[in-house]
């Protein structure tokens, strides 16, 4: 399953793309900040899913949606918007819309909508959940730092150097964290990548939108 993310806030778009790729198992064809770029991607390879914001700084999101449905009538749309419940998809798009996600509560709602869409297409369920992200925040500070470093794709020896630890200590921390979260080694890396993006998104929201509650 392929997806294109369209949001004029680049950092938010990249966080959403990481979530869809690392957790949702989707292939991200591109992350776009404008409708023209999204339309160019859609023409080259229409995605199965278009995830987009409604407010695109003057661009009309419907241009991208209508192009997608001309080229791929079976494709779906997922809206991620700060308008929350105030936004209702136009009547002609409702049959193709799998959800409207409130940006202030984005990850939990996004995962729920994605889970339902995957189930309808017979795809495997998402194994990692938002609960595991929240459980990371209960880990010791040094273990949280490990998760962020792991989320950057660093190897054990690189993590050890960046955190001023021995490589054997890093290996021990990784095993302990994986056991605490109930995940395998490979799942821990995926979860760490998502956690890094989640933290980045929290910082971005706090800096640009004031005091916003996140799940």
C-alpha atoms as a PDB file:
ATOM      1  CA  UNK A   1       0.000   0.000   0.000  1.00  0.00           C
ATOM      2  CA  UNK A   2       1.364   3.404  -1.027  1.00  0.00           C
ATOM      3  CA  UNK A   3       0.732   6.809   0.551  1.00  0.00           C
ATOM      4  CA  UNK A   4       1.435  10.483  -0.157  1.00  0.00           C
ATOM      5  CA  UNK A   5       1.448  13.025   2.696  1.00  0.00           C
ATOM      6  CA  UNK A   6       0.404  16.621   1.948  1.00  0.00           C
ATOM      7  CA  UNK A   7       0.844  19.250   4.680  1.00  0.00           C
ATOM      8  CA  UNK A   8       2.368  22.722   4.433  1.00  0.00           C
ATOM      9  CA  UNK A   9       3.977  22.248   7.870  1.00  0.00           C
ATOM     10  CA  UNK A  10       6.987  20.234   6.744  1.00  0.00           C
ATOM     11  CA  UNK A  11       7.951  18.873  10.162  1.00  0.00           C
ATOM     12  CA  UNK A  12       4.402  17.674  10.848  1.00  0.00           C
ATOM     13  CA  UNK A  13       4.238  16.056   7.416  1.00  0.00           C
ATOM     14  CA  UNK A  14       7.514  14.228   7.981  1.00  0.00           C
ATOM     15  CA  UNK A  15       6.338  12.996  11.387  1.00  0.00           C
ATOM     16  CA  UNK A  16       3.123  11.673   9.870  1.00  0.00           C
ATOM     17  CA  UNK A  17       5.073  10.012   7.060  1.00  0.00           C
ATOM     18  CA  UNK A  18       7.367   8.310   9.589  1.00  0.00           C
ATOM     19  CA  UNK A  19       4.353   7.068  11.511  1.00  0.00           C
ATOM     20  CA  UNK A  20       2.738   5.641   8.389  1.00  0.00           C
ATOM     21  CA  UNK A  21       5.974   4.023   7.251  1.00  0.00           C
ATOM     22  CA  UNK A  22       7.498   2.768  10.496  1.00  0.00           C
ATOM     23  CA  UNK A  23       4.314   1.810  12.294  1.00  0.00           C
ATOM     24  CA  UNK A  24       1.706   1.409   9.589  1.00  0.00           C
ATOM     25  CA  UNK A  25       3.916  -0.483   7.154  1.00  0.00           C
ATOM     26  CA  UNK A  26       2.974   1.777   4.235  1.00  0.00           C
ATOM     27  CA  UNK A  27       5.313   2.810   1.443  1.00  0.00           C
ATOM     28  CA  UNK A  28       5.618   6.615   1.459  1.00  0.00           C
ATOM     29  CA  UNK A  29       5.872   7.871  -2.113  1.00  0.00           C
ATOM     30  CA  UNK A  30       6.486  11.441  -1.044  1.00  0.00           C
ATOM     31  CA  UNK A  31       6.001  14.208   1.502  1.00  0.00           C
ATOM     32  CA  UNK A  32       4.649  17.397  -0.087  1.00  0.00           C
ATOM     33  CA  UNK A  33       4.096  20.896   1.264  1.00  0.00           C
ATOM     34  CA  UNK A  34       2.060  22.148  -1.696  1.00  0.00           C
ATOM     35  CA  UNK A  35      -0.706  20.920  -3.978  1.00  0.00           C
ATOM     36  CA  UNK A  36       1.360  21.290  -7.158  1.00  0.00           C
ATOM     37  CA  UNK A  37       4.058  18.967  -5.843  1.00  0.00           C
ATOM     38  CA  UNK A  38       1.421  16.473  -4.672  1.00  0.00           C
ATOM     39  CA  UNK A  39      -0.324  16.523  -8.062  1.00  0.00           C
ATOM     40  CA  UNK A  40       2.967  15.903  -9.848  1.00  0.00           C
ATOM     41  CA  UNK A  41       3.579  12.848  -7.632  1.00  0.00           C
ATOM     42  CA  UNK A  42       0.025  11.611  -8.095  1.00  0.00           C
ATOM     43  CA  UNK A  43       0.406  11.799 -11.875  1.00  0.00           C
ATOM     44  CA  UNK A  44       3.602   9.734 -11.723  1.00  0.00           C
ATOM     45  CA  UNK A  45       2.250   7.127  -9.310  1.00  0.00           C
ATOM     46  CA  UNK A  46      -1.250   7.425  -7.835  1.00  0.00           C
ATOM     47  CA  UNK A  47      -1.159   6.278  -4.191  1.00  0.00           C
ATOM     48  CA  UNK A  48      -3.624   4.021  -2.410  1.00  0.00           C
ATOM     49  CA  UNK A  49      -3.984   6.650   0.310  1.00  0.00           C
ATOM     50  CA  UNK A  50      -3.600  10.441   0.377  1.00  0.00           C
ATOM     51  CA  UNK A  51      -3.103  11.922   3.858  1.00  0.00           C
ATOM     52  CA  UNK A  52      -3.547  15.680   3.814  1.00  0.00           C
ATOM     53  CA  UNK A  53      -4.292  18.825   5.746  1.00  0.00           C
ATOM     54  CA  UNK A  54      -7.219  21.026   4.753  1.00  0.00           C
ATOM     55  CA  UNK A  55      -5.484  24.363   5.341  1.00  0.00           C
ATOM     56  CA  UNK A  56      -2.591  24.519   2.882  1.00  0.00           C
ATOM     57  CA  UNK A  57      -1.769  28.211   2.944  1.00  0.00           C
ATOM     58  CA  UNK A  58      -3.973  29.200   0.007  1.00  0.00           C
ATOM     59  CA  UNK A  59      -3.766  25.982  -2.033  1.00  0.00           C
ATOM     60  CA  UNK A  60      -7.016  24.106  -2.603  1.00  0.00           C
ATOM     61  CA  UNK A  61      -6.643  20.541  -1.313  1.00  0.00           C
ATOM     62  CA  UNK A  62      -9.516  19.437  -3.551  1.00  0.00           C
ATOM     63  CA  UNK A  63      -7.314  19.830  -6.638  1.00  0.00           C
ATOM     64  CA  UNK A  64      -5.115  16.974  -5.395  1.00  0.00           C
ATOM     65  CA  UNK A  65      -8.053  14.843  -4.251  1.00  0.00           C
ATOM     66  CA  UNK A  66      -9.982  15.200  -7.500  1.00  0.00           C
ATOM     67  CA  UNK A  67      -6.883  14.384  -9.571  1.00  0.00           C
ATOM     68  CA  UNK A  68      -6.270  11.299  -7.469  1.00  0.00           C
ATOM     69  CA  UNK A  69      -9.786  10.010  -7.976  1.00  0.00           C
ATOM     70  CA  UNK A  70      -9.658  10.579 -11.717  1.00  0.00           C
ATOM     71  CA  UNK A  71      -6.503   8.487 -11.926  1.00  0.00           C
ATOM     72  CA  UNK A  72      -7.232   5.975  -9.127  1.00  0.00           C
ATOM     73  CA  UNK A  73     -10.972   5.729  -8.351  1.00  0.00           C
ATOM     74  CA  UNK A  74     -10.355   3.171  -5.579  1.00  0.00           C
ATOM     75  CA  UNK A  75      -7.923   5.388  -3.661  1.00  0.00           C
ATOM     76  CA  UNK A  76      -8.824   6.812  -0.255  1.00  0.00           C
ATOM     77  CA  UNK A  77      -8.249  10.049   1.623  1.00  0.00           C
ATOM     78  CA  UNK A  78      -7.431  10.711   5.288  1.00  0.00           C
ATOM     79  CA  UNK A  79      -7.717  14.300   6.520  1.00  0.00           C
ATOM     80  CA  UNK A  80      -5.446  15.538   9.314  1.00  0.00           C
ATOM     81  CA  UNK A  81      -6.582  19.015  10.310  1.00  0.00           C
ATOM     82  CA  UNK A  82      -6.406  21.548  13.123  1.00  0.00           C
ATOM     83  CA  UNK A  83     -10.093  22.291  12.450  1.00  0.00           C
ATOM     84  CA  UNK A  84     -11.051  19.040  14.164  1.00  0.00           C
ATOM     85  CA  UNK A  85     -14.796  18.416  14.343  1.00  0.00           C
ATOM     86  CA  UNK A  86     -15.466  21.730  12.583  1.00  0.00           C
ATOM     87  CA  UNK A  87     -14.382  20.173   9.296  1.00  0.00           C
ATOM     88  CA  UNK A  88     -16.655  17.833   7.385  1.00  0.00           C
ATOM     89  CA  UNK A  89     -15.495  16.375   4.049  1.00  0.00           C
ATOM     90  CA  UNK A  90     -17.512  17.583   1.061  1.00  0.00           C
ATOM     91  CA  UNK A  91     -20.346  15.238   0.137  1.00  0.00           C
ATOM     92  CA  UNK A  92     -18.623  14.058  -3.038  1.00  0.00           C
ATOM     93  CA  UNK A  93     -15.555  12.949  -1.052  1.00  0.00           C
ATOM     94  CA  UNK A  94     -17.203  11.164   1.859  1.00  0.00           C
ATOM     95  CA  UNK A  95     -17.307   7.782   0.158  1.00  0.00           C
ATOM     96  CA  UNK A  96     -13.520   7.937  -0.290  1.00  0.00           C
ATOM     97  CA  UNK A  97     -12.680   9.383   3.156  1.00  0.00           C
ATOM     98  CA  UNK A  98     -11.495   6.949   5.829  1.00  0.00           C
ATOM     99  CA  UNK A  99     -11.340   9.527   8.603  1.00  0.00           C
ATOM    100  CA  UNK A 100     -10.861  13.094   9.802  1.00  0.00           C
ATOM    101  CA  UNK A 101      -8.102  13.327  12.396  1.00  0.00           C
ATOM    102  CA  UNK A 102      -7.835  16.219  14.837  1.00  0.00           C
ATOM    103  CA  UNK A 103      -4.221  17.445  14.847  1.00  0.00           C
ATOM    104  CA  UNK A 104      -4.401  18.113  18.576  1.00  0.00           C
ATOM    105  CA  UNK A 105      -4.992  14.394  19.141  1.00  0.00           C
ATOM    106  CA  UNK A 106      -3.373  13.202  15.962  1.00  0.00           C
ATOM    107  CA  UNK A 107      -1.571   9.970  16.667  1.00  0.00           C
ATOM    108  CA  UNK A 108      -4.282   7.987  18.438  1.00  0.00           C
ATOM    109  CA  UNK A 109      -6.971   8.952  15.920  1.00  0.00           C
ATOM    110  CA  UNK A 110      -4.626   8.473  12.988  1.00  0.00           C
ATOM    111  CA  UNK A 111      -3.718   4.975  14.118  1.00  0.00           C
ATOM    112  CA  UNK A 112      -7.368   4.062  14.648  1.00  0.00           C
ATOM    113  CA  UNK A 113      -8.345   5.254  11.167  1.00  0.00           C
ATOM    114  CA  UNK A 114      -5.364   3.520   9.596  1.00  0.00           C
ATOM    115  CA  UNK A 115      -6.105   0.296  11.472  1.00  0.00           C
ATOM    116  CA  UNK A 116      -9.687   0.236  10.173  1.00  0.00           C
ATOM    117  CA  UNK A 117      -8.593   0.980   6.609  1.00  0.00           C
ATOM    118  CA  UNK A 118      -5.986  -1.790   6.692  1.00  0.00           C
ATOM    119  CA  UNK A 119      -8.554  -4.257   8.044  1.00  0.00           C
ATOM    120  CA  UNK A 120     -10.912  -3.432   5.185  1.00  0.00           C
ATOM    121  CA  UNK A 121      -8.112  -4.254   2.741  1.00  0.00           C
ATOM    122  CA  UNK A 122      -7.172  -7.492   4.484  1.00  0.00           C
ATOM    123  CA  UNK A 123      -3.809  -6.149   5.642  1.00  0.00           C
ATOM    124  CA  UNK A 124      -2.229  -7.341   8.914  1.00  0.00           C
ATOM    125  CA  UNK A 125      -3.112  -5.410  12.043  1.00  0.00           C
ATOM    126  CA  UNK A 126      -0.705  -2.814  13.410  1.00  0.00           C
ATOM    127  CA  UNK A 127       1.219  -4.453  16.230  1.00  0.00           C
ATOM    128  CA  UNK A 128       2.769  -1.393  17.834  1.00  0.00           C
ATOM    129  CA  UNK A 129       0.341   1.022  19.475  1.00  0.00           C
ATOM    130  CA  UNK A 130       0.226   4.482  20.962  1.00  0.00           C
ATOM    131  CA  UNK A 131       0.177   2.860  24.411  1.00  0.00           C
ATOM    132  CA  UNK A 132       3.770   1.735  23.861  1.00  0.00           C
ATOM    133  CA  UNK A 133       4.804   5.290  23.010  1.00  0.00           C
ATOM    134  CA  UNK A 134       3.292   6.494  26.253  1.00  0.00           C
ATOM    135  CA  UNK A 135       5.025   3.694  28.157  1.00  0.00           C
ATOM    136  CA  UNK A 136       8.384   4.927  26.891  1.00  0.00           C
ATOM    137  CA  UNK A 137       7.812   8.102  28.893  1.00  0.00           C
ATOM    138  CA  UNK A 138       7.739   5.973  32.063  1.00  0.00           C
ATOM    139  CA  UNK A 139      11.232   4.608  31.348  1.00  0.00           C
ATOM    140  CA  UNK A 140      14.291   5.929  33.138  1.00  0.00           C
ATOM    141  CA  UNK A 141      15.764   9.109  31.541  1.00  0.00           C
ATOM    142  CA  UNK A 142      18.847   7.219  30.324  1.00  0.00           C
ATOM    143  CA  UNK A 143      16.585   4.663  28.612  1.00  0.00           C
ATOM    144  CA  UNK A 144      14.585   7.421  26.955  1.00  0.00           C
ATOM    145  CA  UNK A 145      17.826   8.919  25.661  1.00  0.00           C
ATOM    146  CA  UNK A 146      18.735   5.487  24.329  1.00  0.00           C
ATOM    147  CA  UNK A 147      15.408   5.285  22.466  1.00  0.00           C
ATOM    148  CA  UNK A 148      15.957   8.682  20.855  1.00  0.00           C
ATOM    149  CA  UNK A 149      19.462   7.736  19.788  1.00  0.00           C
ATOM    150  CA  UNK A 150      18.205   4.411  18.438  1.00  0.00           C
ATOM    151  CA  UNK A 151      15.484   6.286  16.576  1.00  0.00           C
ATOM    152  CA  UNK A 152      18.181   8.237  14.717  1.00  0.00           C
ATOM    153  CA  UNK A 153      19.440   4.951  13.280  1.00  0.00           C
ATOM    154  CA  UNK A 154      22.646   4.865  15.330  1.00  0.00           C
ATOM    155  CA  UNK A 155      24.524   1.616  15.906  1.00  0.00           C
ATOM    156  CA  UNK A 156      25.301   0.391  19.429  1.00  0.00           C
ATOM    157  CA  UNK A 157      28.866   1.716  19.322  1.00  0.00           C
ATOM    158  CA  UNK A 158      27.641   5.102  18.080  1.00  0.00           C
ATOM    159  CA  UNK A 159      24.981   5.248  20.796  1.00  0.00           C
ATOM    160  CA  UNK A 160      27.613   4.332  23.391  1.00  0.00           C
ATOM    161  CA  UNK A 161      29.850   7.156  22.185  1.00  0.00           C
ATOM    162  CA  UNK A 162      27.041   9.741  22.088  1.00  0.00           C
ATOM    163  CA  UNK A 163      25.753   8.812  25.577  1.00  0.00           C
ATOM    164  CA  UNK A 164      29.204   8.243  27.078  1.00  0.00           C
ATOM    165  CA  UNK A 165      28.453   4.606  27.866  1.00  0.00           C
ATOM    166  CA  UNK A 166      30.130   1.295  27.223  1.00  0.00           C
ATOM    167  CA  UNK A 167      28.811  -0.654  24.243  1.00  0.00           C
ATOM    168  CA  UNK A 168      27.966  -3.595  26.529  1.00  0.00           C
ATOM    169  CA  UNK A 169      25.864  -1.245  28.666  1.00  0.00           C
ATOM    170  CA  UNK A 170      23.937  -0.092  25.594  1.00  0.00           C
ATOM    171  CA  UNK A 171      23.195  -3.718  24.695  1.00  0.00           C
ATOM    172  CA  UNK A 172      21.934  -4.342  28.229  1.00  0.00           C
ATOM    173  CA  UNK A 173      19.708  -1.248  28.115  1.00  0.00           C
ATOM    174  CA  UNK A 174      18.270  -2.325  24.763  1.00  0.00           C
ATOM    175  CA  UNK A 175      17.343  -5.761  26.058  1.00  0.00           C
ATOM    176  CA  UNK A 176      15.798  -4.289  29.202  1.00  0.00           C
ATOM    177  CA  UNK A 177      13.757  -1.711  27.275  1.00  0.00           C
ATOM    178  CA  UNK A 178      12.548  -4.298  24.739  1.00  0.00           C
ATOM    179  CA  UNK A 179      11.424  -6.548  27.577  1.00  0.00           C
ATOM    180  CA  UNK A 180       9.709  -3.661  29.394  1.00  0.00           C
ATOM    181  CA  UNK A 181       7.794  -2.683  26.245  1.00  0.00           C
ATOM    182  CA  UNK A 182       7.062  -6.259  25.196  1.00  0.00           C
ATOM    183  CA  UNK A 183       8.610  -5.950  21.742  1.00  0.00           C
ATOM    184  CA  UNK A 184      11.252  -7.778  19.712  1.00  0.00           C
ATOM    185  CA  UNK A 185      14.587  -6.275  18.716  1.00  0.00           C
ATOM    186  CA  UNK A 186      13.375  -5.249  15.260  1.00  0.00           C
ATOM    187  CA  UNK A 187      10.158  -3.806  16.668  1.00  0.00           C
ATOM    188  CA  UNK A 188      12.206  -1.791  19.168  1.00  0.00           C
ATOM    189  CA  UNK A 189      14.006  -0.023  16.321  1.00  0.00           C
ATOM    190  CA  UNK A 190      10.697   0.788  14.593  1.00  0.00           C
ATOM    191  CA  UNK A 191       9.221   2.012  17.859  1.00  0.00           C
ATOM    192  CA  UNK A 192      12.306   4.134  18.588  1.00  0.00           C
ATOM    193  CA  UNK A 193      12.028   5.791  15.168  1.00  0.00           C
ATOM    194  CA  UNK A 194       8.381   6.568  15.801  1.00  0.00           C
ATOM    195  CA  UNK A 195       9.155   7.832  19.316  1.00  0.00           C
ATOM    196  CA  UNK A 196      11.777  10.240  17.960  1.00  0.00           C
ATOM    197  CA  UNK A 197       9.277  11.608  15.440  1.00  0.00           C
ATOM    198  CA  UNK A 198       6.577  11.807  18.104  1.00  0.00           C
ATOM    199  CA  UNK A 199       8.870  13.842  20.379  1.00  0.00           C
ATOM    200  CA  UNK A 200       9.828  16.070  17.462  1.00  0.00           C
ATOM    201  CA  UNK A 201       6.161  16.634  16.674  1.00  0.00           C
ATOM    202  CA  UNK A 202       5.428  17.540  20.313  1.00  0.00           C
ATOM    203  CA  UNK A 203       8.206  20.134  20.231  1.00  0.00           C
ATOM    204  CA  UNK A 204       6.962  21.478  16.906  1.00  0.00           C
ATOM    205  CA  UNK A 205       3.401  21.840  18.177  1.00  0.00           C
ATOM    206  CA  UNK A 206       4.514  23.492  21.408  1.00  0.00           C
ATOM    207  CA  UNK A 207       6.585  25.974  19.442  1.00  0.00           C
ATOM    208  CA  UNK A 208       3.995  26.845  16.805  1.00  0.00           C
ATOM    209  CA  UNK A 209       0.580  26.286  18.291  1.00  0.00           C
ATOM    210  CA  UNK A 210       0.898  27.028  22.007  1.00  0.00           C
ATOM    211  CA  UNK A 211      -0.300  24.640  24.683  1.00  0.00           C
ATOM    212  CA  UNK A 212      -1.796  21.694  22.805  1.00  0.00           C
ATOM    213  CA  UNK A 213      -2.731  18.411  24.420  1.00  0.00           C
ATOM    214  CA  UNK A 214      -1.339  15.289  22.839  1.00  0.00           C
ATOM    215  CA  UNK A 215      -2.336  11.705  23.531  1.00  0.00           C
END
